[in-house]
Amino acid sequence: MSATTFTLDDLMALLSEKAGLPASAHTTDRDAHFADIGLDSLAFLSMQTALQDRYGTEMPEENPDLYTLGEIVDTVNATASNSAGMA
């Protein structure tokens, strides 16, 4: 597989860029939710747009409380794997 794996660090960087998440709020806890790092649904929408644009990933639910940060990372990687398999 030639695709680069999307990591929790990548997600933290994206949230800093798109939603203004301060570096002090970055986490390595895959079980954390948006609210745990001080982000709201507007930040989630911004992240959804960026994930769609950059990775072709769609988060089916618009409620950030339904996803852990790890589940978001896994969804991006699953999309990348599916795309690589179709290429």
PDB file of N, CA and C in Angstrom:
ATOM      1  N   MET A   1       0.852  -1.186   0.000  1.00  0.00           N
ATOM      2  CA  MET A   1       0.000   0.000   0.000  1.00  0.00           C
ATOM      3  C   MET A   1       0.884   1.230   0.000  1.00  0.00           C
ATOM      4  N   SER A   2       0.712   2.106  -0.960  1.00  0.00           N
ATOM      5  CA  SER A   2       1.551   3.289  -1.091  1.00  0.00           C
ATOM      6  C   SER A   2       0.964   4.507  -0.393  1.00  0.00           C
ATOM      7  N   ALA A   3      -0.240   4.418   0.066  1.00  0.00           N
ATOM      8  CA  ALA A   3      -0.876   5.563   0.708  1.00  0.00           C
ATOM      9  C   ALA A   3      -0.247   5.819   2.075  1.00  0.00           C
ATOM     10  N   THR A   4      -0.088   7.085   2.399  1.00  0.00           N
ATOM     11  CA  THR A   4       0.406   7.474   3.704  1.00  0.00           C
ATOM     12  C   THR A   4      -0.731   7.378   4.709  1.00  0.00           C
ATOM     13  N   THR A   5      -0.427   6.871   5.877  1.00  0.00           N
ATOM     14  CA  THR A   5      -1.439   6.729   6.914  1.00  0.00           C
ATOM     15  C   THR A   5      -1.724   8.075   7.558  1.00  0.00           C
ATOM     16  N   PHE A   6      -2.997   8.384   7.710  1.00  0.00           N
ATOM     17  CA  PHE A   6      -3.462   9.570   8.417  1.00  0.00           C
ATOM     18  C   PHE A   6      -3.409   9.256   9.906  1.00  0.00           C
ATOM     19  N   THR A   7      -2.784  10.127  10.683  1.00  0.00           N
ATOM     20  CA  THR A   7      -2.580   9.870  12.105  1.00  0.00           C
ATOM     21  C   THR A   7      -3.347  10.874  12.964  1.00  0.00           C
ATOM     22  N   LEU A   8      -3.369  10.609  14.245  1.00  0.00           N
ATOM     23  CA  LEU A   8      -3.982  11.546  15.191  1.00  0.00           C
ATOM     24  C   LEU A   8      -3.227  12.874  15.173  1.00  0.00           C
ATOM     25  N   ASP A   9      -1.903  12.826  14.997  1.00  0.00           N
ATOM     26  CA  ASP A   9      -1.127  14.070  14.868  1.00  0.00           C
ATOM     27  C   ASP A   9      -1.571  14.862  13.647  1.00  0.00           C
ATOM     28  N   ASP A  10      -1.845  14.161  12.544  1.00  0.00           N
ATOM     29  CA  ASP A  10      -2.339  14.836  11.334  1.00  0.00           C
ATOM     30  C   ASP A  10      -3.680  15.512  11.611  1.00  0.00           C
ATOM     31  N   LEU A  11      -4.549  14.818  12.351  1.00  0.00           N
ATOM     32  CA  LEU A  11      -5.845  15.390  12.692  1.00  0.00           C
ATOM     33  C   LEU A  11      -5.677  16.617  13.575  1.00  0.00           C
ATOM     34  N   MET A  12      -4.770  16.554  14.539  1.00  0.00           N
ATOM     35  CA  MET A  12      -4.529  17.706  15.419  1.00  0.00           C
ATOM     36  C   MET A  12      -4.025  18.900  14.599  1.00  0.00           C
ATOM     37  N   ALA A  13      -3.138  18.640  13.654  1.00  0.00           N
ATOM     38  CA  ALA A  13      -2.622  19.714  12.799  1.00  0.00           C
ATOM     39  C   ALA A  13      -3.736  20.315  11.949  1.00  0.00           C
ATOM     40  N   LEU A  14      -4.597  19.466  11.408  1.00  0.00           N
ATOM     41  CA  LEU A  14      -5.716  19.941  10.596  1.00  0.00           C
ATOM     42  C   LEU A  14      -6.673  20.788  11.443  1.00  0.00           C
ATOM     43  N   LEU A  15      -6.941  20.339  12.667  1.00  0.00           N
ATOM     44  CA  LEU A  15      -7.844  21.088  13.545  1.00  0.00           C
ATOM     45  C   LEU A  15      -7.222  22.418  13.967  1.00  0.00           C
ATOM     46  N   SER A  16      -5.915  22.452  14.108  1.00  0.00           N
ATOM     47  CA  SER A  16      -5.254  23.726  14.414  1.00  0.00           C
ATOM     48  C   SER A  16      -5.391  24.690  13.245  1.00  0.00           C
ATOM     49  N   GLU A  17      -5.182  24.156  12.040  1.00  0.00           N
ATOM     50  CA  GLU A  17      -5.248  24.981  10.832  1.00  0.00           C
ATOM     51  C   GLU A  17      -6.671  25.453  10.541  1.00  0.00           C
ATOM     52  N   LYS A  18      -7.624  24.548  10.600  1.00  0.00           N
ATOM     53  CA  LYS A  18      -8.989  24.857  10.154  1.00  0.00           C
ATOM     54  C   LYS A  18      -9.920  25.350  11.253  1.00  0.00           C
ATOM     55  N   ALA A  19      -9.641  24.987  12.500  1.00  0.00           N
ATOM     56  CA  ALA A  19     -10.568  25.335  13.581  1.00  0.00           C
ATOM     57  C   ALA A  19      -9.899  26.127  14.696  1.00  0.00           C
ATOM     58  N   GLY A  20      -8.630  26.438  14.531  1.00  0.00           N
ATOM     59  CA  GLY A  20      -7.949  27.247  15.526  1.00  0.00           C
ATOM     60  C   GLY A  20      -7.620  26.518  16.822  1.00  0.00           C
ATOM     61  N   LEU A  21      -7.519  25.190  16.771  1.00  0.00           N
ATOM     62  CA  LEU A  21      -7.184  24.436  17.977  1.00  0.00           C
ATOM     63  C   LEU A  21      -5.771  24.796  18.417  1.00  0.00           C
ATOM     64  N   PRO A  22      -5.624  25.297  19.641  1.00  0.00           N
ATOM     65  CA  PRO A  22      -4.271  25.640  20.107  1.00  0.00           C
ATOM     66  C   PRO A  22      -3.435  24.380  20.346  1.00  0.00           C
ATOM     67  N   ALA A  23      -2.138  24.499  20.135  1.00  0.00           N
ATOM     68  CA  ALA A  23      -1.242  23.357  20.333  1.00  0.00           C
ATOM     69  C   ALA A  23      -1.366  22.798  21.745  1.00  0.00           C
ATOM     70  N   SER A  24      -1.660  23.638  22.708  1.00  0.00           N
ATOM     71  CA  SER A  24      -1.791  23.183  24.095  1.00  0.00           C
ATOM     72  C   SER A  24      -2.989  22.253  24.291  1.00  0.00           C
ATOM     73  N   ALA A  25      -3.925  22.252  23.340  1.00  0.00           N
ATOM     74  CA  ALA A  25      -5.110  21.395  23.434  1.00  0.00           C
ATOM     75  C   ALA A  25      -4.955  20.096  22.646  1.00  0.00           C
ATOM     76  N   HIS A  26      -3.831  19.939  21.936  1.00  0.00           N
ATOM     77  CA  HIS A  26      -3.603  18.698  21.187  1.00  0.00           C
ATOM     78  C   HIS A  26      -3.600  17.522  22.150  1.00  0.00           C
ATOM     79  N   THR A  27      -4.058  16.391  21.668  1.00  0.00           N
ATOM     80  CA  THR A  27      -4.131  15.192  22.497  1.00  0.00           C
ATOM     81  C   THR A  27      -3.629  13.980  21.734  1.00  0.00           C
ATOM     82  N   THR A  28      -3.233  12.977  22.484  1.00  0.00           N
ATOM     83  CA  THR A  28      -2.877  11.685  21.899  1.00  0.00           C
ATOM     84  C   THR A  28      -3.917  10.637  22.287  1.00  0.00           C
ATOM     85  N   ASP A  29      -5.007  11.085  22.884  1.00  0.00           N
ATOM     86  CA  ASP A  29      -6.081  10.196  23.345  1.00  0.00           C
ATOM     87  C   ASP A  29      -7.058   9.917  22.209  1.00  0.00           C
ATOM     88  N   ARG A  30      -6.981   8.723  21.647  1.00  0.00           N
ATOM     89  CA  ARG A  30      -7.870   8.353  20.541  1.00  0.00           C
ATOM     90  C   ARG A  30      -9.329   8.274  20.976  1.00  0.00           C
ATOM     91  N   ASP A  31      -9.582   8.167  22.284  1.00  0.00           N
ATOM     92  CA  ASP A  31     -10.951   8.061  22.790  1.00  0.00           C
ATOM     93  C   ASP A  31     -11.576   9.413  23.116  1.00  0.00           C
ATOM     94  N   ALA A  32     -10.815  10.486  22.935  1.00  0.00           N
ATOM     95  CA  ALA A  32     -11.337  11.830  23.212  1.00  0.00           C
ATOM     96  C   ALA A  32     -12.342  12.237  22.136  1.00  0.00           C
ATOM     97  N   HIS A  33     -13.252  13.114  22.532  1.00  0.00           N
ATOM     98  CA  HIS A  33     -14.240  13.688  21.613  1.00  0.00           C
ATOM     99  C   HIS A  33     -13.907  15.161  21.385  1.00  0.00           C
ATOM    100  N   PHE A  34     -14.591  15.768  20.433  1.00  0.00           N
ATOM    101  CA  PHE A  34     -14.380  17.183  20.135  1.00  0.00           C
ATOM    102  C   PHE A  34     -14.512  18.052  21.378  1.00  0.00           C
ATOM    103  N   ALA A  35     -15.545  17.812  22.166  1.00  0.00           N
ATOM    104  CA  ALA A  35     -15.774  18.625  23.365  1.00  0.00           C
ATOM    105  C   ALA A  35     -14.612  18.495  24.353  1.00  0.00           C
ATOM    106  N   ASP A  36     -13.959  17.339  24.375  1.00  0.00           N
ATOM    107  CA  ASP A  36     -12.843  17.117  25.298  1.00  0.00           C
ATOM    108  C   ASP A  36     -11.648  18.011  24.989  1.00  0.00           C
ATOM    109  N   ILE A  37     -11.527  18.442  23.745  1.00  0.00           N
ATOM    110  CA  ILE A  37     -10.411  19.324  23.373  1.00  0.00           C
ATOM    111  C   ILE A  37     -10.897  20.753  23.122  1.00  0.00           C
ATOM    112  N   GLY A  38     -12.121  21.025  23.545  1.00  0.00           N
ATOM    113  CA  GLY A  38     -12.637  22.395  23.502  1.00  0.00           C
ATOM    114  C   GLY A  38     -13.204  22.833  22.163  1.00  0.00           C
ATOM    115  N   LEU A  39     -13.552  21.890  21.303  1.00  0.00           N
ATOM    116  CA  LEU A  39     -14.109  22.246  19.998  1.00  0.00           C
ATOM    117  C   LEU A  39     -15.603  21.953  19.949  1.00  0.00           C
ATOM    118  N   ASP A  40     -16.291  22.671  19.066  1.00  0.00           N
ATOM    119  CA  ASP A  40     -17.744  22.542  18.954  1.00  0.00           C
ATOM    120  C   ASP A  40     -18.144  22.058  17.562  1.00  0.00           C
ATOM    121  N   SER A  41     -19.437  22.115  17.293  1.00  0.00           N
ATOM    122  CA  SER A  41     -19.953  21.603  16.018  1.00  0.00           C
ATOM    123  C   SER A  41     -19.488  22.433  14.829  1.00  0.00           C
ATOM    124  N   LEU A  42     -19.239  23.714  15.012  1.00  0.00           N
ATOM    125  CA  LEU A  42     -18.720  24.527  13.898  1.00  0.00           C
ATOM    126  C   LEU A  42     -17.317  24.069  13.514  1.00  0.00           C
ATOM    127  N   ALA A  43     -16.502  23.741  14.500  1.00  0.00           N
ATOM    128  CA  ALA A  43     -15.163  23.210  14.220  1.00  0.00           C
ATOM    129  C   ALA A  43     -15.279  21.862  13.507  1.00  0.00           C
ATOM    130  N   PHE A  44     -16.268  21.060  13.909  1.00  0.00           N
ATOM    131  CA  PHE A  44     -16.484  19.763  13.274  1.00  0.00           C
ATOM    132  C   PHE A  44     -16.851  19.942  11.804  1.00  0.00           C
ATOM    133  N   LEU A  45     -17.723  20.900  11.512  1.00  0.00           N
ATOM    134  CA  LEU A  45     -18.092  21.170  10.118  1.00  0.00           C
ATOM    135  C   LEU A  45     -16.890  21.606   9.300  1.00  0.00           C
ATOM    136  N   SER A  46     -16.050  22.430   9.882  1.00  0.00           N
ATOM    137  CA  SER A  46     -14.838  22.872   9.194  1.00  0.00           C
ATOM    138  C   SER A  46     -13.923  21.684   8.914  1.00  0.00           C
ATOM    139  N   MET A  47     -13.794  20.795   9.894  1.00  0.00           N
ATOM    140  CA  MET A  47     -12.979  19.600   9.710  1.00  0.00           C
ATOM    141  C   MET A  47     -13.576  18.704   8.633  1.00  0.00           C
ATOM    142  N   GLN A  48     -14.910  18.533   8.651  1.00  0.00           N
ATOM    143  CA  GLN A  48     -15.569  17.697   7.640  1.00  0.00           C
ATOM    144  C   GLN A  48     -15.257  18.193   6.230  1.00  0.00           C
ATOM    145  N   THR A  49     -15.334  19.491   6.036  1.00  0.00           N
ATOM    146  CA  THR A  49     -15.046  20.074   4.722  1.00  0.00           C
ATOM    147  C   THR A  49     -13.605  19.800   4.316  1.00  0.00           C
ATOM    148  N   ALA A  50     -12.686  19.992   5.243  1.00  0.00           N
ATOM    149  CA  ALA A  50     -11.272  19.764   4.938  1.00  0.00           C
ATOM    150  C   ALA A  50     -10.999  18.294   4.634  1.00  0.00           C
ATOM    151  N   LEU A  51     -11.609  17.389   5.388  1.00  0.00           N
ATOM    152  CA  LEU A  51     -11.407  15.963   5.126  1.00  0.00           C
ATOM    153  C   LEU A  51     -11.972  15.559   3.769  1.00  0.00           C
ATOM    154  N   GLN A  52     -13.103  16.130   3.406  1.00  0.00           N
ATOM    155  CA  GLN A  52     -13.697  15.842   2.097  1.00  0.00           C
ATOM    156  C   GLN A  52     -12.794  16.365   0.982  1.00  0.00           C
ATOM    157  N   ASP A  53     -12.329  17.596   1.126  1.00  0.00           N
ATOM    158  CA  ASP A  53     -11.498  18.218   0.098  1.00  0.00           C
ATOM    159  C   ASP A  53     -10.146  17.529  -0.059  1.00  0.00           C
ATOM    160  N   ARG A  54      -9.510  17.205   1.044  1.00  0.00           N
ATOM    161  CA  ARG A  54      -8.146  16.666   1.010  1.00  0.00           C
ATOM    162  C   ARG A  54      -8.085  15.160   0.827  1.00  0.00           C
ATOM    163  N   TYR A  55      -9.027  14.440   1.425  1.00  0.00           N
ATOM    164  CA  TYR A  55      -8.916  12.984   1.469  1.00  0.00           C
ATOM    165  C   TYR A  55     -10.105  12.252   0.853  1.00  0.00           C
ATOM    166  N   GLY A  56     -11.132  12.996   0.444  1.00  0.00           N
ATOM    167  CA  GLY A  56     -12.320  12.366  -0.107  1.00  0.00           C
ATOM    168  C   GLY A  56     -13.127  11.625   0.946  1.00  0.00           C
ATOM    169  N   THR A  57     -12.934  12.009   2.201  1.00  0.00           N
ATOM    170  CA  THR A  57     -13.590  11.333   3.325  1.00  0.00           C
ATOM    171  C   THR A  57     -14.839  12.076   3.734  1.00  0.00           C
ATOM    172  N   GLU A  58     -15.918  11.336   3.881  1.00  0.00           N
ATOM    173  CA  GLU A  58     -17.160  11.916   4.387  1.00  0.00           C
ATOM    174  C   GLU A  58     -17.456  11.327   5.750  1.00  0.00           C
ATOM    175  N   MET A  59     -17.767  12.191   6.690  1.00  0.00           N
ATOM    176  CA  MET A  59     -18.220  11.745   8.008  1.00  0.00           C
ATOM    177  C   MET A  59     -19.740  11.755   7.928  1.00  0.00           C
ATOM    178  N   PRO A  60     -20.379  10.590   7.977  1.00  0.00           N
ATOM    179  CA  PRO A  60     -21.820  10.513   7.721  1.00  0.00           C
ATOM    180  C   PRO A  60     -22.688  11.271   8.720  1.00  0.00           C
ATOM    181  N   GLU A  61     -22.253  11.381   9.949  1.00  0.00           N
ATOM    182  CA  GLU A  61     -23.038  12.097  10.952  1.00  0.00           C
ATOM    183  C   GLU A  61     -22.452  13.478  11.182  1.00  0.00           C
ATOM    184  N   GLU A  62     -23.317  14.456  11.398  1.00  0.00           N
ATOM    185  CA  GLU A  62     -22.836  15.820  11.607  1.00  0.00           C
ATOM    186  C   GLU A  62     -22.718  16.191  13.071  1.00  0.00           C
ATOM    187  N   ASN A  63     -22.965  15.246  13.957  1.00  0.00           N
ATOM    188  CA  ASN A  63     -22.866  15.489  15.383  1.00  0.00           C
ATOM    189  C   ASN A  63     -21.487  15.040  15.865  1.00  0.00           C
ATOM    190  N   PRO A  64     -20.631  15.959  16.295  1.00  0.00           N
ATOM    191  CA  PRO A  64     -19.282  15.567  16.705  1.00  0.00           C
ATOM    192  C   PRO A  64     -19.259  14.651  17.922  1.00  0.00           C
ATOM    193  N   ASP A  65     -20.316  14.640  18.707  1.00  0.00           N
ATOM    194  CA  ASP A  65     -20.360  13.783  19.895  1.00  0.00           C
ATOM    195  C   ASP A  65     -20.432  12.303  19.537  1.00  0.00           C
ATOM    196  N   LEU A  66     -20.758  11.995  18.283  1.00  0.00           N
ATOM    197  CA  LEU A  66     -20.897  10.602  17.858  1.00  0.00           C
ATOM    198  C   LEU A  66     -19.568   9.949  17.495  1.00  0.00           C
ATOM    199  N   TYR A  67     -18.503  10.732  17.427  1.00  0.00           N
ATOM    200  CA  TYR A  67     -17.199  10.214  17.005  1.00  0.00           C
ATOM    201  C   TYR A  67     -16.133  10.482  18.053  1.00  0.00           C
ATOM    202  N   THR A  68     -15.265   9.489  18.249  1.00  0.00           N
ATOM    203  CA  THR A  68     -14.023   9.766  18.972  1.00  0.00           C
ATOM    204  C   THR A  68     -13.016  10.259  17.933  1.00  0.00           C
ATOM    205  N   LEU A  69     -11.950  10.868  18.407  1.00  0.00           N
ATOM    206  CA  LEU A  69     -10.917  11.324  17.476  1.00  0.00           C
ATOM    207  C   LEU A  69     -10.304  10.127  16.744  1.00  0.00           C
ATOM    208  N   GLY A  70     -10.168   9.020  17.438  1.00  0.00           N
ATOM    209  CA  GLY A  70      -9.647   7.812  16.801  1.00  0.00           C
ATOM    210  C   GLY A  70     -10.542   7.296  15.690  1.00  0.00           C
ATOM    211  N   GLU A  71     -11.851   7.393  15.887  1.00  0.00           N
ATOM    212  CA  GLU A  71     -12.786   6.958  14.845  1.00  0.00           C
ATOM    213  C   GLU A  71     -12.683   7.854  13.611  1.00  0.00           C
ATOM    214  N   ILE A  72     -12.437   9.130  13.814  1.00  0.00           N
ATOM    215  CA  ILE A  72     -12.256  10.045  12.671  1.00  0.00           C
ATOM    216  C   ILE A  72     -11.009   9.641  11.895  1.00  0.00           C
ATOM    217  N   VAL A  73      -9.906   9.399  12.604  1.00  0.00           N
ATOM    218  CA  VAL A  73      -8.660   8.966  11.958  1.00  0.00           C
ATOM    219  C   VAL A  73      -8.893   7.662  11.198  1.00  0.00           C
ATOM    220  N   ASP A  74      -9.565   6.704  11.834  1.00  0.00           N
ATOM    221  CA  ASP A  74      -9.830   5.413  11.185  1.00  0.00           C
ATOM    222  C   ASP A  74     -10.701   5.564   9.942  1.00  0.00           C
ATOM    223  N   THR A  75     -11.661   6.483   9.974  1.00  0.00           N
ATOM    224  CA  THR A  75     -12.525   6.723   8.814  1.00  0.00           C
ATOM    225  C   THR A  75     -11.719   7.266   7.639  1.00  0.00           C
ATOM    226  N   VAL A  76     -10.813   8.211   7.922  1.00  0.00           N
ATOM    227  CA  VAL A  76      -9.962   8.756   6.851  1.00  0.00           C
ATOM    228  C   VAL A  76      -9.108   7.640   6.259  1.00  0.00           C
ATOM    229  N   ASN A  77      -8.514   6.819   7.106  1.00  0.00           N
ATOM    230  CA  ASN A  77      -7.665   5.732   6.613  1.00  0.00           C
ATOM    231  C   ASN A  77      -8.446   4.686   5.844  1.00  0.00           C
ATOM    232  N   ALA A  78      -9.666   4.405   6.270  1.00  0.00           N
ATOM    233  CA  ALA A  78     -10.515   3.454   5.541  1.00  0.00           C
ATOM    234  C   ALA A  78     -10.851   3.990   4.155  1.00  0.00           C
ATOM    235  N   THR A  79     -11.132   5.273   4.071  1.00  0.00           N
ATOM    236  CA  THR A  79     -11.427   5.899   2.775  1.00  0.00           C
ATOM    237  C   THR A  79     -10.204   5.819   1.873  1.00  0.00           C
ATOM    238  N   ALA A  80      -9.034   6.094   2.433  1.00  0.00           N
ATOM    239  CA  ALA A  80      -7.787   6.032   1.650  1.00  0.00           C
ATOM    240  C   ALA A  80      -7.533   4.626   1.164  1.00  0.00           C
ATOM    241  N   SER A  81      -7.787   3.625   2.012  1.00  0.00           N
ATOM    242  CA  SER A  81      -7.588   2.231   1.630  1.00  0.00           C
ATOM    243  C   SER A  81      -8.551   1.826   0.529  1.00  0.00           C
ATOM    244  N   ASN A  82      -9.788   2.243   0.656  1.00  0.00           N
ATOM    245  CA  ASN A  82     -10.788   1.920  -0.373  1.00  0.00           C
ATOM    246  C   ASN A  82     -10.443   2.584  -1.688  1.00  0.00           C
ATOM    247  N   SER A  83      -9.976   3.815  -1.633  1.00  0.00           N
ATOM    248  CA  SER A  83      -9.611   4.533  -2.860  1.00  0.00           C
ATOM    249  C   SER A  83      -8.409   3.883  -3.528  1.00  0.00           C
ATOM    250  N   ALA A  84      -7.436   3.462  -2.716  1.00  0.00           N
ATOM    251  CA  ALA A  84      -6.237   2.814  -3.262  1.00  0.00           C
ATOM    252  C   ALA A  84      -6.596   1.479  -3.901  1.00  0.00           C
ATOM    253  N   GLY A  85      -7.567   0.790  -3.307  1.00  0.00           N
ATOM    254  CA  GLY A  85      -7.983  -0.499  -3.855  1.00  0.00           C
ATOM    255  C   GLY A  85      -8.717  -0.380  -5.166  1.00  0.00           C
ATOM    256  N   MET A  86      -9.330   0.777  -5.416  1.00  0.00           N
ATOM    257  CA  MET A  86     -10.074   0.988  -6.652  1.00  0.00           C
ATOM    258  C   MET A  86      -9.188   1.540  -7.763  1.00  0.00           C
ATOM    259  N   ALA A  87      -8.009   2.015  -7.416  1.00  0.00           N
ATOM    260  CA  ALA A  87      -7.126   2.641  -8.408  1.00  0.00           C
ATOM    261  C   ALA A  87      -6.445   1.615  -9.280  1.00  0.00           C
TER     262      ALA A  87
END
